[in-house]
Protein backbone atom coordinates (compact mmCIF):
# COMPACT_ATOMS: atom_id res chain seq x y z
CA MET A 1 14.34 9.76 -7.11
CA LYS A 2 11.50 9.98 -4.37
CA ILE A 3 9.03 7.26 -4.82
CA ASP A 4 5.42 7.43 -3.89
CA SER A 5 4.67 3.87 -3.08
CA HIS A 6 0.80 4.00 -2.80
CA GLN A 7 -1.53 5.85 -4.86
CA HIS A 8 -4.54 4.97 -6.89
CA PHE A 9 -6.14 5.79 -10.25
CA TRP A 10 -9.72 5.27 -11.54
CA LYS A 11 -12.53 6.38 -13.95
CA TYR A 12 -15.40 7.01 -11.26
CA ASP A 13 -18.50 4.74 -11.71
CA PRO A 14 -21.02 5.04 -8.98
CA VAL A 15 -21.76 1.17 -8.89
CA LYS A 16 -18.03 -0.08 -9.17
CA ASP A 17 -16.95 2.67 -6.77
CA ALA A 18 -19.84 2.32 -4.17
CA TRP A 19 -17.13 2.39 -1.44
CA ILE A 20 -17.00 6.17 -2.12
CA ASP A 21 -19.96 7.32 0.18
CA ASP A 22 -21.67 10.63 0.80
CA GLN A 23 -18.89 11.55 3.17
CA MET A 24 -16.47 10.90 0.45
CA LYS A 25 -17.79 13.11 -2.10
CA VAL A 26 -14.76 15.02 -2.73
CA ILE A 27 -13.21 12.06 -4.40
CA ARG A 28 -16.23 11.12 -6.44
CA ARG A 29 -14.57 12.06 -9.84
CA ASP A 30 -12.01 10.52 -12.07
CA PHE A 31 -8.61 10.44 -10.94
CA LEU A 32 -5.90 9.87 -13.73
CA PRO A 33 -2.03 10.30 -14.22
CA ALA A 34 -2.61 13.85 -15.79
CA ASP A 35 -4.08 14.82 -12.33
CA LEU A 36 -1.09 13.25 -10.37
CA GLU A 37 2.05 14.38 -12.50
CA PRO A 38 2.06 17.86 -11.43
CA LEU A 39 1.64 16.92 -7.82
CA LEU A 40 4.44 14.56 -7.86
CA VAL A 41 6.71 17.20 -9.63
CA GLU A 42 5.65 19.69 -7.38
CA ASN A 43 6.71 17.58 -4.27
CA GLN A 44 9.87 16.22 -6.11
CA PHE A 45 8.90 12.80 -6.68
CA GLY A 46 10.23 11.04 -9.89
CA GLY A 47 7.86 8.15 -10.02
CA CYS A 48 5.12 6.09 -8.39
CA VAL A 49 3.56 2.96 -7.61
CA ALA A 50 -0.22 2.47 -8.64
CA VAL A 51 -1.91 0.08 -6.70
CA GLN A 52 -5.49 -1.55 -7.53
CA ALA A 53 -8.83 -0.01 -5.91
CA ASP A 54 -11.10 -2.47 -7.60
CA GLN A 55 -11.00 -6.51 -7.55
CA SER A 56 -11.03 -7.37 -11.00
CA GLU A 57 -8.33 -8.08 -13.81
CA GLU A 58 -9.82 -5.26 -15.56
CA GLU A 59 -8.58 -3.07 -13.08
CA THR A 60 -5.03 -4.90 -13.21
CA LEU A 61 -5.00 -4.34 -16.90
CA PHE A 62 -6.46 -0.73 -16.87
CA LEU A 63 -3.58 0.19 -14.55
CA LEU A 64 -1.06 -1.46 -16.69
CA ASP A 65 -2.26 0.43 -19.66
CA LEU A 66 -1.94 3.78 -17.86
CA ALA A 67 1.64 3.08 -16.87
CA LYS A 68 2.66 2.19 -20.54
CA ASN A 69 1.77 5.48 -21.22
CA ASN A 70 2.84 7.47 -18.47
CA PRO A 71 6.68 6.82 -17.67
CA PHE A 72 6.34 8.23 -14.08
CA ILE A 73 4.23 5.41 -13.06
CA LYS A 74 7.36 2.96 -12.30
CA GLY A 75 4.89 -0.25 -11.03
CA VAL A 76 1.51 -1.71 -10.62
CA VAL A 77 0.36 -3.50 -7.78
CA GLY A 78 -2.87 -5.07 -9.44
CA TRP A 79 -5.40 -7.85 -8.44
CA ILE A 80 -5.88 -11.27 -9.45
CA ASP A 81 -7.99 -14.11 -7.66
CA LEU A 82 -5.65 -15.90 -5.66
CA CYS A 83 -8.23 -18.59 -4.98
CA ALA A 84 -8.88 -19.30 -8.60
CA ASN A 85 -7.99 -22.92 -9.75
CA THR A 86 -6.27 -21.31 -12.98
CA ILE A 87 -3.98 -18.84 -10.68
CA GLU A 88 -0.91 -20.31 -12.07
CA GLU A 89 -1.81 -19.88 -15.58
CA ARG A 90 -2.97 -16.40 -14.75
CA LEU A 91 0.47 -15.67 -12.87
CA GLN A 92 2.26 -16.76 -16.12
CA TYR A 93 0.40 -14.61 -18.29
CA TYR A 94 1.06 -11.29 -16.10
CA THR A 95 5.02 -12.11 -16.42
CA LYS A 96 5.19 -10.60 -19.48
CA HIS A 97 4.15 -7.06 -18.13
CA GLU A 98 7.14 -5.64 -16.81
CA LYS A 99 5.73 -2.92 -14.67
CA LEU A 100 3.39 -5.70 -12.82
CA LYS A 101 5.25 -5.90 -9.64
CA GLY A 102 2.69 -7.45 -7.46
CA PHE A 103 -0.83 -8.01 -6.36
CA ARG A 104 -3.27 -7.05 -3.62
CA HIS A 105 -6.77 -8.15 -2.31
CA ILE A 106 -8.69 -5.96 0.00
CA ILE A 107 -9.04 -8.32 2.96
CA GLN A 108 -10.36 -5.70 5.17
CA ALA A 109 -13.73 -5.90 3.32
CA GLU A 110 -13.92 -9.51 3.58
CA ALA A 111 -16.64 -10.66 5.91
CA ASP A 112 -14.38 -13.65 7.20
CA ILE A 113 -11.76 -12.53 9.41
CA ASP A 114 -10.06 -15.68 8.60
CA PHE A 115 -10.13 -15.27 4.86
CA MET A 116 -6.46 -15.08 4.47
CA LEU A 117 -5.83 -18.48 6.11
CA GLN A 118 -8.03 -20.50 3.70
CA GLU A 119 -6.32 -23.23 1.77
CA LYS A 120 -7.32 -21.95 -1.48
CA PHE A 121 -6.02 -18.30 -0.85
CA GLN A 122 -2.59 -19.65 1.02
CA ASP A 123 -2.12 -21.90 -2.28
CA GLY A 124 -2.12 -18.35 -4.35
CA ILE A 125 0.16 -16.57 -2.27
CA SER A 126 2.63 -19.53 -2.38
CA LYS A 127 3.02 -19.14 -6.12
CA LEU A 128 3.87 -15.60 -6.07
CA GLU A 129 7.28 -15.92 -5.12
CA LYS A 130 8.10 -18.18 -8.05
CA TYR A 131 7.18 -15.38 -10.69
CA ASN A 132 8.78 -12.64 -8.61
CA PHE A 133 5.83 -10.94 -7.58
CA THR A 134 5.27 -9.09 -4.41
CA TYR A 135 1.99 -9.14 -2.06
CA ASP A 136 0.42 -5.88 -0.32
CA ILE A 137 -1.63 -6.51 2.77
CA LEU A 138 -4.74 -4.46 3.17
CA ILE A 139 -6.14 -5.08 6.79
CA PHE A 140 -7.42 -3.49 9.99
CA PRO A 141 -5.71 -4.17 13.23
CA LYS A 142 -8.13 -7.06 14.02
CA HIS A 143 -6.56 -9.07 11.36
CA LEU A 144 -2.95 -8.64 12.57
CA GLU A 145 -2.94 -12.08 14.52
CA ASN A 146 -4.17 -13.90 11.13
CA VAL A 147 -1.35 -11.84 9.27
CA ALA A 148 1.49 -13.28 11.36
CA LYS A 149 0.05 -16.74 10.92
CA LEU A 150 -0.26 -16.07 7.14
CA VAL A 151 3.46 -14.77 6.63
CA ALA A 152 5.13 -17.53 8.85
CA GLN A 153 4.17 -19.86 6.07
CA PHE A 154 6.01 -18.07 3.43
CA PRO A 155 9.46 -16.77 4.81
CA LYS A 156 10.74 -16.07 0.93
CA GLN A 157 7.76 -14.13 -0.10
CA LYS A 158 7.97 -10.51 -0.27
CA PHE A 159 5.13 -8.82 1.95
CA VAL A 160 4.40 -5.33 2.70
CA ILE A 161 1.85 -3.90 5.07
CA ASP A 162 -0.38 -1.28 3.69
CA HIS A 163 -1.06 1.82 6.01
CA LEU A 164 0.55 0.77 8.84
CA ALA A 165 -2.45 -1.78 9.11
CA LYS A 166 -4.81 1.30 9.64
CA PRO A 167 -4.40 2.13 13.51
CA ASP A 168 -7.27 4.01 15.23
CA PHE A 169 -5.93 7.50 15.05
CA LYS A 170 -9.38 8.79 15.77
CA ASN A 171 -9.71 7.15 19.41
CA LYS A 172 -5.93 6.66 20.02
CA GLU A 173 -6.68 3.01 20.79
CA PHE A 174 -3.29 1.29 19.88
CA GLY A 175 -2.93 -1.72 22.15
CA GLU A 176 -4.07 -4.32 19.78
CA TRP A 177 -2.48 -2.63 16.67
CA GLU A 178 1.07 -2.37 18.63
CA THR A 179 1.06 -5.90 20.08
CA GLY A 180 0.19 -7.37 16.54
CA MET A 181 2.70 -5.06 14.53
CA ARG A 182 5.63 -5.97 16.97
CA ALA A 183 4.68 -9.71 16.36
CA ILE A 184 4.76 -9.18 12.46
CA ALA A 185 7.94 -7.24 12.39
CA GLN A 186 9.88 -10.31 13.60
CA PHE A 187 9.58 -11.58 9.97
CA PRO A 188 12.39 -10.32 8.07
CA ASN A 189 10.58 -10.62 4.49
CA VAL A 190 7.62 -8.30 5.73
CA MET A 191 7.96 -4.39 5.24
CA CYS A 192 5.50 -1.39 5.96
CA LYS A 193 4.03 1.46 4.22
CA VAL A 194 4.20 4.62 5.90
CA SER A 195 0.87 5.58 4.21
CA GLY A 196 -2.90 6.52 4.34
CA LEU A 197 -2.35 8.11 7.92
CA ILE A 198 -4.59 10.86 7.69
CA THR A 199 -7.33 8.64 6.24
CA GLU A 200 -7.82 6.74 9.63
CA ALA A 201 -7.63 9.95 11.54
CA ASP A 202 -10.24 12.50 12.26
CA TRP A 203 -10.41 14.31 8.72
CA ASN A 204 -11.23 17.78 9.90
CA ASN A 205 -9.22 18.17 13.30
CA TRP A 206 -6.02 15.98 12.81
CA THR A 207 -2.61 17.23 13.92
CA ALA A 208 0.76 15.81 13.16
CA GLU A 209 1.39 14.86 16.70
CA ASP A 210 -1.77 12.32 16.43
CA PHE A 211 0.80 9.94 14.55
CA THR A 212 3.88 10.29 16.34
CA HIS A 213 3.37 7.30 18.72
CA CYS A 214 2.49 4.83 15.76
CA LEU A 215 5.49 6.12 13.81
CA ASP A 216 7.67 5.60 16.70
CA VAL A 217 6.64 2.22 17.02
CA VAL A 218 7.09 0.92 13.10
CA THR A 219 10.23 2.99 12.90
CA GLU A 220 11.63 1.11 16.15
CA VAL A 221 10.13 -2.73 15.16
CA PHE A 222 10.89 -2.47 11.26
CA GLY A 223 13.92 -0.41 11.22
CA ILE A 224 14.54 2.17 8.33
CA ASP A 225 15.37 -0.48 5.95
CA ARG A 226 12.06 -1.82 6.08
CA LEU A 227 9.81 1.16 5.80
CA MET A 228 8.60 3.03 2.69
CA PHE A 229 6.57 6.28 1.71
CA GLY A 230 3.21 6.18 0.34
CA SER A 231 0.44 8.82 -0.25
CA ASP A 232 -2.64 6.94 -0.70
CA TRP A 233 -3.85 9.77 -2.94
CA PRO A 234 -6.37 10.33 -3.89
CA VAL A 235 -8.17 8.83 -1.03
CA SER A 236 -5.76 11.01 1.08
CA LEU A 237 -7.60 14.07 -0.38
CA LEU A 238 -10.58 13.22 2.13
CA ALA A 239 -8.40 15.08 4.80
CA ALA A 240 -5.50 16.69 3.36
CA SER A 241 -3.67 17.90 0.18
CA TYR A 242 -0.89 16.20 -1.14
CA ALA A 243 1.74 18.46 0.20
CA GLU A 244 0.09 18.22 3.56
CA SER A 245 0.37 14.23 3.42
CA CYS A 246 4.05 14.44 2.72
CA GLU A 247 4.95 17.26 5.25
CA ILE A 248 3.57 14.95 8.07
CA VAL A 249 6.29 12.34 7.51
CA GLU A 250 8.91 14.82 5.87
CA ASP A 251 8.90 16.23 9.43
CA TYR A 252 8.86 12.91 11.71
CA PHE A 253 12.04 11.70 9.25
CA SER A 254 13.99 15.09 9.03
CA LYS A 255 15.82 14.03 12.48
CA PHE A 256 17.28 10.81 10.37
CA SER A 257 20.37 10.94 8.19
CA LYS A 258 20.43 11.75 4.55
CA ALA A 259 21.19 8.22 3.97
CA ASP A 260 18.17 6.77 5.95
CA GLN A 261 15.75 9.25 4.46
CA ASP A 262 16.94 8.24 1.10
CA LYS A 263 16.02 4.78 2.01
CA PHE A 264 12.66 5.66 3.00
CA TRP A 265 11.68 8.00 0.28
CA SER A 266 12.96 5.97 -2.73
CA ARG A 267 15.71 2.96 -2.33
CA ASN A 268 13.44 0.52 -0.31
CA ALA A 269 10.48 0.94 -2.61
CA ILE A 270 12.83 0.85 -5.34
CA ASP A 271 14.41 -2.36 -4.18
CA PHE A 272 11.16 -4.14 -3.04
CA TYR A 273 9.32 -3.56 -6.13
CA GLN A 274 12.55 -4.03 -8.24
CA LEU A 275 11.53 -0.53 -10.20
CA LYS A 276 13.61 0.67 -13.08
CA GLU A 277 15.21 3.95 -12.26
């Protein structure tokens, strides 16, 4: 069963979703399970993991409700205020939701580059393992040095880097990114999502070759056991169809053994998020 480990749902709201600017008009509408399911079937996926796009517990409950009513949504990565004084209480509350697998904060949008190093945030991260929750790391390359400091503090916490930490595919400047990813890959509790590639490229002029170097790097430093596929749909529609997003990595990983391809497309995500098959 192939798993799309990273996609989003939303009911478009111009205030809540103000990040969807004029350049992104193609995704200024609702995207719900009925829109995704036929794409999963067409591309031979058996399920997906829905990831938060809005920083509210309302978002978390919205995704959990969708997952409850759509069996192909195998897991949810929600949002919770990791800095809240009530963090333990909220985590305990969410343990009753079987499909809630972990949490994410949109660190890339924080004005303070050291946001993830503040004591309150790290206190929140320190409590996730107790409740068996994962943590998705959404950042830019400039954050990678701090990510290494963060994950070093919590060797038993399960982390995954979203979107390869967003390499600069447009300008092909990978120095800072590569140094940071090589450092983070030294921590065995950190995985990496091969997702969101085309969103960081030139939307109108990308080619599959644009991504080869970065795919080579993450495959080398993380190894096939710590990589998983994610489409980043519907954000990916800014630059490609669902099938085209898949084809880039299908072609790249086609040279790997069937066992390794199975790890990349399904087993690693299932094990990381503890998804029911």
